[in-house]
C-alpha cells in the first residue's frame, strides 16, 4: 500500500470516529456494513468468455448491495469496505489461478489515483491476501468508459495498454467487468509482451453479462 493510501485510510478512520456511520449496502445507521449486507457479499463465482482464449471468473453480480458497496469503496473513499469485499475476490482468484501464475491488475488512470489517493483494485487484491506484479501501464490517455457502448469501449481502449516482458500464465484482475473491453485490451498487451496464457478475474460482473461461460 502506498503512503497516500495509508494517509487516506487514517483520514477515513478519523472521519468514522467523528461522523455518523451508515451501512454501505442499506444505509442502516451505526454500522459500516450490516450483517444482512455482509451475507450478500458471499461469493458465488461464475465464468464467461470475453474473447477467444480469454475467460473471466467473477465472484459476485454487480447489483444491489454489491454495487452499492463497491461504489462506496471507489467513490466515497470508504476503504475499510475493501476488507469486507476481499473474501469474495479471494474465492474467485483461488478458483481461477493455476499454480505458478503471475497476478497483475488493470492499471487505473493517474487522474483517478490523484482523486482517490489509492487504487481500488490493488487495495482489494492486497486485502484478499494476494500479491500483484505491476506488469501493465497506460501508454496513452483514454475517455471515461462510463456511458460508452460495447464497440465504443473497445475502440477507446484499443492499444491503450502496454506490458512489461513476461512469460507463462498471467492472471489479470479488475474490480468490475461490464463489456470486457478493458480485460480484452489487457490480455492483448500481455500476450504481445510474451505471456503464454491470460486469465481474467473480477470482483463483480454487471448482471447483463453475468453468467456461466460454459
Protein backbone atom coordinates (compact mmCIF):
# COMPACT_ATOMS: atom_id res chain seq x y z
CA UNK A 1 0.00 0.00 0.00
CA UNK A 2 1.31 3.44 -0.90
CA UNK A 3 1.90 6.29 1.56
CA UNK A 4 -1.05 8.10 0.03
CA UNK A 5 -3.36 5.14 0.68
CA UNK A 6 -2.13 4.87 4.29
CA UNK A 7 -2.90 8.56 4.81
CA UNK A 8 -6.30 8.09 3.18
CA UNK A 9 -7.03 5.16 5.48
CA UNK A 10 -6.08 7.16 8.57
CA UNK A 11 -8.24 10.06 7.41
CA UNK A 12 -11.14 7.69 6.76
CA UNK A 13 -10.79 6.19 10.24
CA UNK A 14 -10.82 9.68 11.76
CA UNK A 15 -13.99 10.59 9.88
CA UNK A 16 -15.61 7.36 11.02
CA UNK A 17 -14.89 8.35 14.62
CA UNK A 18 -16.37 11.85 14.38
CA UNK A 19 -19.16 11.44 11.83
CA UNK A 20 -22.17 9.10 11.82
CA UNK A 21 -21.61 5.82 10.00
CA UNK A 22 -24.19 4.10 7.83
CA UNK A 23 -24.25 0.72 6.15
CA UNK A 24 -22.83 0.93 2.65
CA UNK A 25 -25.40 -1.58 1.44
CA UNK A 26 -28.67 -0.40 3.02
CA UNK A 27 -27.94 2.86 4.93
CA UNK A 28 -28.64 1.34 8.35
CA UNK A 29 -27.09 3.59 10.99
CA UNK A 30 -24.06 2.99 13.20
CA UNK A 31 -22.53 0.16 11.18
CA UNK A 32 -20.29 0.24 8.12
CA UNK A 33 -21.88 -2.93 6.75
CA UNK A 34 -24.74 -4.71 8.49
CA UNK A 35 -24.91 -8.49 8.86
CA UNK A 36 -27.55 -8.85 6.15
CA UNK A 37 -25.47 -6.90 3.66
CA UNK A 38 -22.34 -8.84 4.62
CA UNK A 39 -24.24 -12.02 3.75
CA UNK A 40 -24.99 -10.53 0.31
CA UNK A 41 -21.22 -10.40 -0.35
CA UNK A 42 -20.81 -14.18 -0.05
CA UNK A 43 -19.04 -15.34 -3.25
CA UNK A 44 -21.00 -17.07 -5.98
CA UNK A 45 -18.43 -17.35 -8.74
CA UNK A 46 -19.41 -17.56 -12.39
CA UNK A 47 -17.40 -17.71 -15.61
CA UNK A 48 -17.91 -16.39 -19.13
CA UNK A 49 -15.92 -15.94 -22.29
CA UNK A 50 -14.84 -12.40 -23.15
CA UNK A 51 -12.97 -13.26 -26.35
CA UNK A 52 -11.37 -16.34 -27.91
CA UNK A 53 -8.95 -17.72 -25.35
CA UNK A 54 -9.99 -15.33 -22.56
CA UNK A 55 -12.28 -16.46 -19.73
CA UNK A 56 -13.25 -14.20 -16.83
CA UNK A 57 -14.19 -15.54 -13.40
CA UNK A 58 -16.30 -13.12 -11.36
CA UNK A 59 -17.10 -13.50 -7.69
CA UNK A 60 -20.35 -11.51 -7.47
CA UNK A 61 -23.10 -9.89 -9.57
CA UNK A 62 -22.75 -6.12 -9.76
CA UNK A 63 -26.15 -5.07 -8.49
CA UNK A 64 -27.95 -4.28 -5.24
CA UNK A 65 -25.80 -4.44 -2.12
CA UNK A 66 -22.71 -5.47 -4.08
CA UNK A 67 -22.88 -2.49 -6.42
CA UNK A 68 -23.54 -0.01 -3.60
CA UNK A 69 -20.66 -1.38 -1.54
CA UNK A 70 -18.20 -1.25 -4.43
CA UNK A 71 -19.28 2.31 -5.28
CA UNK A 72 -18.80 3.34 -1.66
CA UNK A 73 -15.27 1.94 -1.77
CA UNK A 74 -14.39 3.57 -5.09
CA UNK A 75 -16.25 6.87 -4.99
CA UNK A 76 -16.79 7.67 -1.31
CA UNK A 77 -13.33 6.75 -0.02
CA UNK A 78 -14.64 4.09 2.36
CA UNK A 79 -11.56 1.92 2.04
CA UNK A 80 -12.44 -0.12 5.12
CA UNK A 81 -15.00 -1.86 2.92
CA UNK A 82 -12.18 -3.50 0.95
CA UNK A 83 -11.80 -5.97 3.79
CA UNK A 84 -15.48 -6.91 3.53
CA UNK A 85 -15.27 -7.44 -0.23
CA UNK A 86 -11.89 -9.20 -0.21
CA UNK A 87 -13.12 -12.73 0.70
CA UNK A 88 -15.24 -12.86 -2.44
CA UNK A 89 -12.32 -11.77 -4.63
CA UNK A 90 -10.09 -14.32 -2.89
CA UNK A 91 -12.59 -17.06 -3.75
CA UNK A 92 -12.57 -16.06 -7.42
CA UNK A 93 -8.78 -15.91 -7.51
CA UNK A 94 -8.45 -19.30 -5.85
CA UNK A 95 -10.85 -20.89 -8.32
CA UNK A 96 -9.17 -19.41 -11.41
CA UNK A 97 -5.44 -19.12 -10.65
CA UNK A 98 -3.26 -22.08 -11.61
CA UNK A 99 -0.06 -22.86 -9.74
CA UNK A 100 2.85 -20.71 -10.83
CA UNK A 101 0.74 -17.99 -12.45
CA UNK A 102 1.70 -14.35 -12.06
CA UNK A 103 -1.03 -12.00 -10.85
CA UNK A 104 -1.36 -8.43 -12.07
CA UNK A 105 -4.04 -5.76 -12.02
CA UNK A 106 -5.60 -3.44 -14.56
CA UNK A 107 -3.98 -0.01 -14.11
CA UNK A 108 -6.17 2.97 -13.34
CA UNK A 109 -5.59 6.44 -14.69
CA UNK A 110 -3.32 8.92 -12.95
CA UNK A 111 -6.26 11.29 -12.59
CA UNK A 112 -8.25 8.63 -10.70
CA UNK A 113 -5.30 7.94 -8.41
CA UNK A 114 -4.86 11.64 -7.66
CA UNK A 115 -8.57 11.95 -6.92
CA UNK A 116 -8.75 8.92 -4.60
CA UNK A 117 -5.23 8.59 -3.24
CA UNK A 118 -5.38 4.81 -3.70
CA UNK A 119 -6.03 2.18 -6.39
CA UNK A 120 -9.20 0.22 -5.53
CA UNK A 121 -8.20 -2.92 -7.43
CA UNK A 122 -4.75 -3.12 -5.84
CA UNK A 123 -6.30 -2.48 -2.42
CA UNK A 124 -8.82 -5.28 -2.91
CA UNK A 125 -6.19 -7.75 -4.08
CA UNK A 126 -3.93 -6.89 -1.14
CA UNK A 127 -6.77 -7.28 1.37
CA UNK A 128 -7.56 -10.64 -0.22
CA UNK A 129 -4.02 -11.74 0.65
CA UNK A 130 -2.61 -11.85 -2.88
CA UNK A 131 0.44 -10.10 -4.30
CA UNK A 132 0.42 -8.45 -7.69
CA UNK A 133 3.20 -7.55 -10.06
CA UNK A 134 2.95 -4.22 -11.87
CA UNK A 135 3.05 -5.60 -15.41
CA UNK A 136 0.64 -3.25 -17.18
CA UNK A 137 0.63 0.50 -17.66
CA UNK A 138 -1.33 3.02 -19.71
CA UNK A 139 0.61 4.29 -22.69
CA UNK A 140 -2.00 6.81 -23.80
CA UNK A 141 -4.98 8.60 -22.29
CA UNK A 142 -8.49 7.24 -22.76
CA UNK A 143 -12.02 8.55 -22.39
CA UNK A 144 -14.13 7.72 -19.33
CA UNK A 145 -15.68 4.35 -20.14
CA UNK A 146 -18.97 5.20 -18.39
CA UNK A 147 -21.67 5.89 -20.92
CA UNK A 148 -19.84 4.24 -23.81
CA UNK A 149 -21.34 1.27 -25.62
CA UNK A 150 -19.64 -2.04 -26.37
CA UNK A 151 -17.91 -1.07 -29.62
CA UNK A 152 -17.04 2.44 -28.38
CA UNK A 153 -15.35 0.94 -25.32
CA UNK A 154 -13.30 -1.41 -27.47
CA UNK A 155 -12.20 1.47 -29.75
CA UNK A 156 -11.46 3.69 -26.76
CA UNK A 157 -9.10 1.14 -25.22
CA UNK A 158 -7.51 -0.31 -28.33
CA UNK A 159 -3.73 -0.06 -27.95
CA UNK A 160 -4.03 1.86 -24.67
CA UNK A 161 -2.10 -0.63 -22.53
CA UNK A 162 1.46 -1.86 -22.67
CA UNK A 163 3.01 -4.69 -20.66
CA UNK A 164 6.47 -5.44 -19.36
CA UNK A 165 8.13 -8.57 -20.82
CA UNK A 166 6.50 -11.61 -19.26
CA UNK A 167 6.29 -15.37 -19.76
CA UNK A 168 3.98 -18.14 -18.63
CA UNK A 169 0.43 -17.66 -17.33
CA UNK A 170 -0.80 -14.29 -16.13
CA UNK A 171 -3.98 -13.63 -14.15
CA UNK A 172 -5.23 -10.08 -14.68
CA UNK A 173 -7.58 -8.64 -12.04
CA UNK A 174 -10.15 -5.85 -12.26
CA UNK A 175 -12.95 -4.75 -9.96
CA UNK A 176 -15.97 -4.94 -12.29
CA UNK A 177 -16.40 -6.37 -15.78
CA UNK A 178 -19.06 -4.75 -17.96
CA UNK A 179 -18.39 -5.26 -21.67
CA UNK A 180 -14.99 -6.83 -21.05
CA UNK A 181 -13.18 -4.24 -23.19
CA UNK A 182 -10.60 -3.40 -20.52
CA UNK A 183 -9.71 -7.03 -19.85
CA UNK A 184 -9.54 -7.85 -23.56
CA UNK A 185 -7.07 -4.99 -24.06
CA UNK A 186 -5.06 -6.11 -21.02
CA UNK A 187 -4.88 -9.65 -22.41
CA UNK A 188 -3.74 -8.34 -25.79
CA UNK A 189 -0.94 -6.31 -24.21
CA UNK A 190 0.21 -9.21 -22.03
CA UNK A 191 0.27 -11.66 -24.93
CA UNK A 192 2.18 -9.13 -27.03
CA UNK A 193 4.74 -8.96 -24.20
CA UNK A 194 5.21 -12.73 -24.17
CA UNK A 195 2.50 -14.24 -21.93
CA UNK A 196 1.57 -17.77 -22.99
CA UNK A 197 -1.87 -17.65 -21.37
CA UNK A 198 -4.02 -14.91 -19.83
CA UNK A 199 -6.84 -15.48 -17.35
CA UNK A 200 -9.18 -12.73 -16.11
CA UNK A 201 -10.66 -12.39 -12.62
CA UNK A 202 -13.00 -9.71 -11.32
CA UNK A 203 -14.73 -9.00 -8.05
CA UNK A 204 -18.05 -8.43 -9.82
CA UNK A 205 -19.79 -8.57 -13.19
CA UNK A 206 -22.69 -6.49 -14.41
CA UNK A 207 -25.91 -8.56 -14.45
CA UNK A 208 -26.45 -8.48 -18.21
CA UNK A 209 -23.02 -10.11 -18.69
CA UNK A 210 -23.02 -12.23 -15.54
CA UNK A 211 -23.44 -15.89 -16.36
CA UNK A 212 -21.85 -19.22 -16.86
CA UNK A 213 -19.45 -19.24 -19.77
CA UNK A 214 -19.87 -22.98 -20.18
